[in-house]
Amino acid sequence: MTPESVLILGSGGREHALALGIQSSPSTPAIHALPGNAGTAQVGTNHEGRADDAEHVLNLVGELGIDLVVIGPEAPLAAGIADELRESGYHVFGPGAEMARLEADKSFANEVMANLGIPTARSLMLTSEDELGALGDFGPPWVIKRCGLAAGKGVTVTPDADEAEAAVLEALELDGNVLLESFLSGREASIFCLMDEHAYRLLPASQDHKRAYDGDSGPNTGGMGAYAPAPLVTSDVLERVEDLIVKPMHAWTVAKGGYRGCLYIGLMIDDDGLPSVVEFNARFGDPETQAVVPLLGEHLLDLLVGTACGTLEQLEVPRITKAAVTVVLASEGYPGPSSVGHGFLVDQSEMIEDVVVHLAGVRINSAGMLTSGGRVCSVTAIANDLPRARSLAYANISRVKFNGSWNRSDIGWQILI
């Protein structure tokens, strides 16, 4: 299938990156976004409404004659939007609600991994304050995870017993349960695994930076920057990831009826190069997408279509010859309540082709572009190697202008070691 029209669900920097990647296809389909942002509006057409409203999505897909729906964020997946669309005969990139539980229900994911013998942390579910004594069996440091969706910010890692107890109590109050996990030591990386019921394909490995501040300090965020490909994931490490994690997971999804979408595999790589799973997500990560998608050149759309149509085995991921680094610019106050409504401007003069500003928390009104808080945008640079890409990204941050802008100054510090 060569789609003439594509609908992207979501409104973040990930969705802008996907839209730009689709636009680079030789076939160049019409691109629509629900609800989208100022970036997707520059590439295609935005539509009002909620991406997790099944009736609205179905009506819009029918009205627009959409050939392919690409689901970006986790909430529509957990809400079963992919199931509703497939039952109505549409091609969808994104798993059904049962498979999306791998992200939406951390205890479910841990149970699946335990049954398959996939290396991951030891864990225990707590449902009552009376079980706080279990903290003594898991730290320090402690790893506390909210079991449901938390926009990438539901994890607390701390050496402080009081902070750990407070995180457990907060999660119990919010969700009624919380997951304790043993601490995994090593260095983190992530891999996007595209899969259907016949095949899987691995995209270049990347490294995210979750903590808010330099030196990997401060609270967790949705991600403050990323780079790809990640040198940490050597060919030997990748082979272990395939054998220990990807192959058993793919076989499990096939046995359960299939998975058509991206399985995000968050990894911890120890000093011996042995991988363990930190988490699964049922979709592309943000901001890793902003670093990985530009490396695919004109091939993204083919991979999305092949996955959605169950013909992925006919495709290969192109050989990666470039590197990319993306640095997130956030609004003042993020990851807490952040300021909004500031004028947003990108100085395009002398900006080279290999630097892209992926918009996220930016909207358009009659006065121009305004910030809508949170992670506002990311500056992404593509070059022949990671050090050059990193330099280019940081050199162009000053071209993005909005009040209260801040960013980490050490994204990609691992590259320099």
Protein backbone atom coordinates (compact mmCIF):
# COMPACT_ATOMS: atom_id res chain seq x y z
CA MET A 1 0.00 0.00 0.00
CA THR A 2 1.14 3.52 -0.82
CA PRO A 3 -0.94 5.81 1.41
CA GLU A 4 -2.27 9.04 -0.04
CA SER A 5 -3.25 10.39 3.38
CA VAL A 6 -1.87 9.79 6.88
CA LEU A 7 -3.30 10.78 10.26
CA ILE A 8 -0.91 11.17 13.19
CA LEU A 9 -2.45 11.07 16.67
CA GLY A 10 -0.67 13.20 19.27
CA SER A 11 0.67 16.68 19.90
CA GLY A 12 4.33 16.44 20.94
CA GLY A 13 7.79 16.77 19.46
CA ARG A 14 7.62 13.08 18.59
CA GLU A 15 4.61 13.72 16.35
CA HIS A 16 6.34 16.64 14.60
CA ALA A 17 9.36 14.39 13.98
CA LEU A 18 7.12 11.63 12.59
CA ALA A 19 5.36 14.14 10.33
CA LEU A 20 8.68 15.40 8.96
CA GLY A 21 9.87 11.83 8.45
CA ILE A 22 6.71 10.93 6.55
CA GLN A 23 6.99 14.12 4.49
CA SER A 24 10.45 13.05 3.32
CA SER A 25 8.99 9.97 1.61
CA PRO A 26 9.09 10.05 -2.21
CA SER A 27 5.32 9.49 -2.28
CA THR A 28 4.64 12.47 0.05
CA PRO A 29 1.10 11.74 1.28
CA ALA A 30 -1.22 14.37 2.70
CA ILE A 31 -0.45 14.62 6.44
CA HIS A 32 -3.07 15.28 9.13
CA ALA A 33 -2.64 15.51 12.90
CA LEU A 34 -5.06 15.20 15.82
CA PRO A 35 -4.66 17.49 17.64
CA GLY A 36 -1.10 18.27 16.50
CA ASN A 37 0.88 21.39 17.33
CA ALA A 38 2.50 24.32 15.59
CA GLY A 39 5.08 22.00 14.04
CA THR A 40 2.63 19.54 12.50
CA ALA A 41 0.61 22.52 11.23
CA GLN A 42 3.65 23.53 9.16
CA VAL A 43 3.80 20.07 7.59
CA GLY A 44 0.11 19.27 7.19
CA THR A 45 -3.31 20.01 8.67
CA ASN A 46 -4.22 19.95 12.36
CA HIS A 47 -7.66 18.92 13.59
CA GLU A 48 -9.31 19.74 16.91
CA GLY A 49 -10.33 17.04 19.35
CA ARG A 50 -8.90 14.37 21.61
CA ALA A 51 -6.73 11.60 20.26
CA ASP A 52 -8.22 9.11 22.74
CA ASP A 53 -11.84 9.78 21.73
CA ALA A 54 -12.59 6.73 19.58
CA GLU A 55 -15.81 8.04 18.06
CA HIS A 56 -14.19 11.32 17.06
CA VAL A 57 -11.12 9.59 15.61
CA LEU A 58 -13.25 7.17 13.58
CA ASN A 59 -15.40 9.98 12.22
CA LEU A 60 -12.35 12.03 11.26
CA VAL A 61 -10.64 9.10 9.55
CA GLY A 62 -13.77 8.46 7.53
CA GLU A 63 -14.29 12.11 6.60
CA LEU A 64 -10.69 12.58 5.47
CA GLY A 65 -10.33 9.25 3.68
CA ILE A 66 -7.28 8.34 5.75
CA ASP A 67 -5.19 5.36 4.53
CA LEU A 68 -2.86 5.04 7.54
CA VAL A 69 -3.22 6.08 11.18
CA VAL A 70 -0.03 6.47 13.22
CA ILE A 71 -0.60 6.59 16.97
CA GLY A 72 2.05 8.59 18.82
CA PRO A 73 1.32 8.76 22.57
CA GLU A 74 0.38 6.09 25.06
CA ALA A 75 -3.11 7.24 26.10
CA PRO A 76 -4.89 6.46 22.78
CA LEU A 77 -3.22 3.05 22.71
CA ALA A 78 -4.33 2.21 26.24
CA ALA A 79 -7.83 3.45 25.34
CA GLY A 80 -8.06 0.89 22.53
CA ILE A 81 -8.12 3.35 19.62
CA ALA A 82 -6.06 0.95 17.48
CA ASP A 83 -8.58 -1.84 18.12
CA GLU A 84 -11.53 0.36 17.14
CA LEU A 85 -9.81 1.45 13.92
CA ARG A 86 -8.76 -2.06 12.91
CA GLU A 87 -12.24 -3.42 13.55
CA SER A 88 -13.47 -0.76 11.11
CA GLY A 89 -11.01 -1.89 8.45
CA TYR A 90 -8.30 0.77 8.75
CA HIS A 91 -4.52 0.32 8.69
CA VAL A 92 -2.99 1.37 12.01
CA PHE A 93 0.53 1.71 13.33
CA GLY A 94 0.17 0.98 17.04
CA PRO A 95 -0.75 -2.08 19.10
CA GLY A 96 -4.16 -2.93 20.50
CA ALA A 97 -5.09 -2.23 24.10
CA GLU A 98 -4.08 -5.69 25.37
CA MET A 99 -0.56 -5.33 24.00
CA ALA A 100 -0.42 -1.70 25.18
CA ARG A 101 -0.69 -3.07 28.72
CA LEU A 102 3.06 -3.69 28.45
CA GLU A 103 3.33 0.05 29.09
CA ALA A 104 0.06 0.86 30.80
CA ASP A 105 0.44 -1.82 33.48
CA LYS A 106 4.00 -2.23 34.77
CA SER A 107 3.09 -5.26 36.88
CA PHE A 108 1.71 -6.98 33.78
CA ALA A 109 4.95 -6.30 31.89
CA ASN A 110 6.99 -7.72 34.77
CA GLU A 111 4.82 -10.84 34.85
CA VAL A 112 5.31 -11.36 31.11
CA MET A 113 9.08 -10.97 31.42
CA ALA A 114 9.23 -13.34 34.39
CA ASN A 115 7.31 -16.00 32.46
CA LEU A 116 9.60 -15.62 29.45
CA GLY A 117 12.84 -15.50 31.45
CA ILE A 118 13.70 -12.02 30.19
CA PRO A 119 16.30 -10.31 32.40
CA THR A 120 14.81 -7.45 34.41
CA ALA A 121 14.66 -6.14 37.98
CA ARG A 122 13.15 -8.04 40.90
CA SER A 123 9.82 -6.42 41.80
CA LEU A 124 7.01 -6.37 44.34
CA MET A 125 3.55 -4.80 44.15
CA LEU A 126 2.35 -2.86 47.20
CA THR A 127 -1.33 -2.07 47.75
CA SER A 128 -1.34 -0.75 51.32
CA GLU A 129 0.63 1.49 53.68
CA ASP A 130 0.88 -1.57 55.93
CA GLU A 131 3.42 -2.99 53.46
CA LEU A 132 5.92 -0.13 53.77
CA GLY A 133 8.30 -2.46 55.60
CA ALA A 134 9.08 -4.07 52.22
CA LEU A 135 11.20 -1.02 51.41
CA GLY A 136 13.91 -2.56 53.55
CA ASP A 137 14.25 -5.43 51.08
CA PHE A 138 14.80 -3.21 48.03
CA GLY A 139 17.27 -0.45 48.81
CA PRO A 140 19.10 1.78 48.99
CA PRO A 141 18.86 3.01 46.34
CA TRP A 142 15.13 2.54 45.90
CA VAL A 143 13.24 2.34 42.62
CA ILE A 144 9.54 3.20 42.92
CA LYS A 145 7.28 2.97 39.87
CA ARG A 146 3.70 3.99 39.41
CA CYS A 147 1.97 1.08 37.71
CA GLY A 148 -0.12 3.05 35.22
CA LEU A 149 0.55 5.75 32.64
CA ALA A 150 2.48 8.74 33.97
CA ALA A 151 3.77 10.53 30.84
CA GLY A 152 7.28 9.19 31.38
CA LYS A 153 7.53 10.72 34.87
CA GLY A 154 6.20 7.93 37.08
CA VAL A 155 9.55 6.65 38.37
CA THR A 156 11.42 7.71 41.49
CA VAL A 157 15.02 6.57 42.00
CA THR A 158 16.49 7.73 45.30
CA PRO A 159 19.04 6.78 47.97
CA ASP A 160 16.94 8.64 50.57
CA ALA A 161 14.61 6.47 52.66
CA ASP A 162 12.22 9.33 53.47
CA GLU A 163 11.92 10.28 49.80
CA ALA A 164 11.30 6.65 48.87
CA GLU A 165 8.55 6.31 51.47
CA ALA A 166 6.96 9.57 50.32
CA ALA A 167 6.96 8.34 46.70
CA VAL A 168 5.30 5.08 47.74
CA LEU A 169 2.62 6.89 49.73
CA GLU A 170 1.93 9.34 46.90
CA ALA A 171 1.52 6.51 44.38
CA LEU A 172 -0.75 4.59 46.73
CA GLU A 173 -2.93 7.68 47.12
CA LEU A 174 -3.05 8.32 43.37
CA ASP A 175 -3.35 4.77 42.05
CA GLY A 176 -4.05 2.41 44.93
CA ASN A 177 -0.89 0.42 44.17
CA VAL A 178 2.81 0.92 43.50
CA LEU A 179 5.69 -1.19 42.25
CA LEU A 180 9.01 -1.60 44.09
CA GLU A 181 11.93 -2.75 41.97
CA SER A 182 15.51 -3.70 42.71
CA PHE A 183 18.08 -1.20 41.45
CA LEU A 184 19.80 -2.10 38.19
CA SER A 185 23.32 -0.74 37.82
CA GLY A 186 24.91 0.13 34.50
CA ARG A 187 24.23 2.56 31.66
CA GLU A 188 20.86 3.10 30.02
CA ALA A 189 19.97 2.87 26.35
CA SER A 190 16.82 2.26 24.37
CA ILE A 191 15.84 0.51 21.17
CA PHE A 192 12.76 0.93 19.00
CA CYS A 193 11.63 -2.47 17.77
CA LEU A 194 9.09 -2.38 14.94
CA MET A 195 7.11 -5.58 14.80
CA ASP A 196 4.18 -7.32 13.21
CA GLU A 197 3.11 -10.96 13.45
CA HIS A 198 5.70 -12.05 10.88
CA ALA A 199 8.88 -10.12 11.59
CA TYR A 200 10.61 -7.46 13.64
CA ARG A 201 13.09 -4.74 12.70
CA LEU A 202 15.38 -2.84 15.08
CA LEU A 203 16.00 0.87 14.58
CA PRO A 204 19.26 2.53 15.72
CA ALA A 205 19.78 2.43 19.48
CA SER A 206 19.58 5.74 21.33
CA GLN A 207 20.31 7.21 24.76
CA ASP A 208 17.84 9.46 26.57
CA HIS A 209 18.52 11.82 29.49
CA LYS A 210 15.62 11.59 31.95
CA ARG A 211 16.81 13.77 34.82
CA ALA A 212 16.03 17.47 34.66
CA TYR A 213 19.43 18.94 35.36
CA ASP A 214 23.09 18.61 34.42
CA GLY A 215 24.96 15.69 35.88
CA ASP A 216 21.82 13.55 35.71
CA SER A 217 20.46 15.28 38.80
CA GLY A 218 17.03 16.54 39.79
CA PRO A 219 13.58 15.06 39.20
CA ASN A 220 12.62 12.75 36.37
CA THR A 221 11.18 14.32 33.25
CA GLY A 222 9.73 13.07 29.99
CA GLY A 223 13.28 13.38 28.62
CA MET A 224 15.64 16.35 28.20
CA GLY A 225 17.58 15.16 25.17
CA ALA A 226 18.83 12.11 23.30
CA TYR A 227 21.32 10.93 20.73
CA ALA A 228 21.58 8.10 18.21
CA PRO A 229 23.12 5.76 17.36
CA ALA A 230 24.29 4.91 20.88
CA PRO A 231 27.89 3.58 20.91
CA LEU A 232 27.08 1.74 24.13
CA VAL A 233 24.97 -0.72 22.14
CA THR A 234 27.73 -2.56 20.32
CA SER A 235 27.08 -5.38 17.89
CA ASP A 236 27.70 -7.88 20.72
CA VAL A 237 25.26 -6.08 23.03
CA LEU A 238 22.68 -5.89 20.24
CA GLU A 239 22.99 -9.62 19.62
CA ARG A 240 22.32 -10.27 23.31
CA VAL A 241 19.32 -7.91 23.25
CA GLU A 242 17.87 -9.82 20.30
CA ASP A 243 18.47 -13.26 21.81
CA LEU A 244 17.45 -12.49 25.40
CA ILE A 245 14.67 -9.94 24.88
CA VAL A 246 13.46 -9.27 21.34
CA LYS A 247 13.04 -12.83 20.05
CA PRO A 248 11.10 -14.11 23.09
CA MET A 249 8.95 -10.96 23.17
CA HIS A 250 8.16 -11.19 19.47
CA ALA A 251 7.24 -14.87 19.79
CA TRP A 252 5.00 -14.03 22.76
CA THR A 253 3.18 -11.27 20.84
CA VAL A 254 2.61 -13.64 17.91
CA ALA A 255 1.17 -16.26 20.26
CA LYS A 256 -1.14 -13.63 21.75
CA GLY A 257 -2.53 -12.50 18.40
CA GLY A 258 0.11 -10.12 17.10
CA TYR A 259 1.56 -6.67 17.71
CA ARG A 260 1.70 -4.07 14.96
CA GLY A 261 3.63 -1.06 16.11
CA CYS A 262 6.76 -0.01 17.96
CA LEU A 263 7.90 -1.76 21.12
CA TYR A 264 10.19 0.63 22.99
CA ILE A 265 12.75 -1.38 24.94
CA GLY A 266 14.36 0.58 27.76
CA LEU A 267 17.62 -1.13 28.67
CA MET A 268 20.25 -1.16 31.38
CA ILE A 269 23.61 -2.41 30.10
CA ASP A 270 25.98 -3.61 32.84
CA ASP A 271 29.79 -3.49 32.78
CA ASP A 272 29.91 -6.91 31.13
CA GLY A 273 27.62 -5.81 28.30
CA LEU A 274 24.66 -7.80 29.59
CA PRO A 275 21.26 -6.13 28.99
CA SER A 276 18.27 -6.02 31.33
CA VAL A 277 14.90 -4.44 30.64
CA VAL A 278 14.11 -1.28 32.59
CA GLU A 279 10.72 -0.81 30.94
CA PHE A 280 8.64 -1.44 27.86
CA ASN A 281 6.65 1.28 26.13
CA ALA A 282 4.10 0.51 23.44
CA ARG A 283 5.12 3.39 21.16
CA PHE A 284 7.99 5.57 19.98
CA GLY A 285 9.76 7.41 22.80
CA ASP A 286 10.05 11.18 23.06
CA PRO A 287 12.66 12.71 22.58
CA GLU A 288 14.42 9.62 21.15
CA THR A 289 12.18 9.81 18.07
CA GLN A 290 13.58 13.24 17.25
CA ALA A 291 17.08 11.71 17.11
CA VAL A 292 16.26 8.39 15.43
CA VAL A 293 13.76 9.33 12.70
CA PRO A 294 16.06 11.78 10.84
CA LEU A 295 18.60 8.96 10.45
CA LEU A 296 16.10 6.88 8.45
CA GLY A 297 16.02 9.38 5.58
CA GLU A 298 13.13 8.72 3.20
CA HIS A 299 12.37 5.24 4.59
CA LEU A 300 10.17 5.98 7.63
CA LEU A 301 6.84 5.81 5.81
CA ASP A 302 7.65 2.45 4.20
CA LEU A 303 8.49 1.00 7.62
CA LEU A 304 5.31 2.38 9.18
CA VAL A 305 3.17 1.00 6.35
CA GLY A 306 4.90 -2.38 6.40
CA THR A 307 4.33 -2.68 10.13
CA ALA A 308 0.68 -1.59 9.92
CA CYS A 309 -0.09 -3.91 7.00
CA GLY A 310 1.77 -6.96 8.31
CA THR A 311 4.39 -6.92 5.54
CA LEU A 312 7.41 -5.86 7.58
CA GLU A 313 9.33 -9.00 6.57
CA GLN A 314 9.63 -7.53 3.07
CA LEU A 315 11.58 -4.49 4.36
CA GLU A 316 14.97 -3.77 5.87
CA VAL A 317 16.12 -0.81 7.94
CA PRO A 318 18.48 1.33 5.83
CA ARG A 319 22.17 1.38 6.69
CA ILE A 320 22.76 4.24 9.10
CA THR A 321 25.60 6.54 8.05
CA LYS A 322 24.86 9.65 10.14
CA ALA A 323 24.41 10.57 13.79
CA ALA A 324 21.91 12.85 15.53
CA VAL A 325 21.69 14.73 18.83
CA THR A 326 18.56 16.45 20.11
CA VAL A 327 18.44 18.92 23.03
CA VAL A 328 15.10 19.76 24.65
CA LEU A 329 14.23 23.36 25.53
CA ALA A 330 11.69 23.47 28.35
CA SER A 331 9.45 26.11 29.83
CA GLU A 332 10.24 27.70 33.18
CA GLY A 333 8.97 25.49 36.00
CA TYR A 334 9.11 22.19 34.10
CA PRO A 335 8.78 19.31 35.10
CA GLY A 336 6.38 20.92 37.57
CA PRO A 337 3.73 23.49 36.61
CA SER A 338 5.32 25.58 33.87
CA SER A 339 4.76 29.01 32.36
CA VAL A 340 2.71 29.35 29.16
CA GLY A 341 1.66 31.93 26.62
CA HIS A 342 5.08 33.34 25.71
CA GLY A 343 5.90 34.39 22.17
CA PHE A 344 7.91 31.75 20.32
CA LEU A 345 10.33 32.46 17.47
CA VAL A 346 12.96 30.50 15.56
CA ASP A 347 15.61 32.55 13.77
CA GLN A 348 16.04 30.61 10.52
CA SER A 349 18.74 32.89 9.10
CA GLU A 350 21.94 30.95 8.44
CA MET A 351 20.49 27.80 10.03
CA ILE A 352 21.85 24.90 8.02
CA GLU A 353 19.69 22.13 6.54
CA ASP A 354 20.99 19.54 8.99
CA VAL A 355 19.53 21.36 12.01
CA VAL A 356 15.82 20.92 12.75
CA VAL A 357 13.71 22.48 15.50
CA HIS A 358 11.07 19.94 16.49
CA LEU A 359 8.12 21.76 18.05
CA ALA A 360 6.19 20.30 20.98
CA GLY A 361 4.61 22.73 23.45
CA VAL A 362 3.95 25.40 20.82
CA ARG A 363 0.59 26.50 19.49
CA ILE A 364 -0.54 28.95 16.83
CA ASN A 365 -3.01 31.79 17.23
CA SER A 366 -3.74 34.98 15.33
CA ALA A 367 -0.71 36.68 16.89
CA GLY A 368 1.72 33.97 15.85
CA MET A 369 3.28 31.13 17.82
CA LEU A 370 2.94 30.88 21.60
CA THR A 371 4.33 28.42 24.12
CA SER A 372 1.93 26.03 25.81
CA GLY A 373 4.30 24.89 28.57
CA GLY A 374 6.25 21.75 29.35
CA ARG A 375 8.87 20.66 26.86
CA VAL A 376 8.50 23.41 24.29
CA CYS A 377 10.77 22.15 21.51
CA SER A 378 14.01 20.35 20.77
CA VAL A 379 16.93 21.38 18.62
CA THR A 380 18.12 18.40 16.59
CA ALA A 381 21.31 18.25 14.55
CA ILE A 382 22.41 15.57 12.10
CA ALA A 383 26.09 15.12 11.20
CA ASN A 384 28.66 12.53 10.20
CA ASP A 385 29.46 11.72 13.83
CA LEU A 386 28.04 12.30 17.30
CA PRO A 387 30.54 14.97 18.51
CA ARG A 388 29.85 17.11 15.44
CA ALA A 389 26.07 16.64 15.80
CA ARG A 390 26.29 17.61 19.48
CA SER A 391 28.25 20.77 18.67
CA LEU A 392 25.78 21.75 15.96
CA ALA A 393 22.77 21.25 18.23
CA TYR A 394 24.17 23.41 21.02
CA ALA A 395 25.40 26.07 18.57
CA ASN A 396 21.85 26.58 17.31
CA ILE A 397 19.94 26.70 20.61
CA SER A 398 20.31 30.48 20.76
CA ARG A 399 18.24 30.74 17.56
CA VAL A 400 15.16 29.59 19.50
CA LYS A 401 13.63 32.43 21.49
CA PHE A 402 10.96 32.37 24.20
CA ASN A 403 10.84 33.69 27.75
CA GLY A 404 11.82 31.23 30.45
CA SER A 405 13.63 28.84 28.11
CA TRP A 406 16.08 26.47 29.74
CA ASN A 407 17.91 23.29 28.81
CA ARG A 408 20.54 20.89 30.04
CA SER A 409 24.04 21.82 28.90
CA ASP A 410 25.42 18.27 29.03
CA ILE A 411 23.25 16.20 26.68
CA GLY A 412 25.53 13.61 25.13
CA TRP A 413 28.18 13.88 27.83
CA GLN A 414 28.82 10.16 27.28
CA ILE A 415 30.02 10.94 23.76
CA LEU A 416 32.93 12.95 25.13
CA ILE A 417 34.29 10.29 27.49
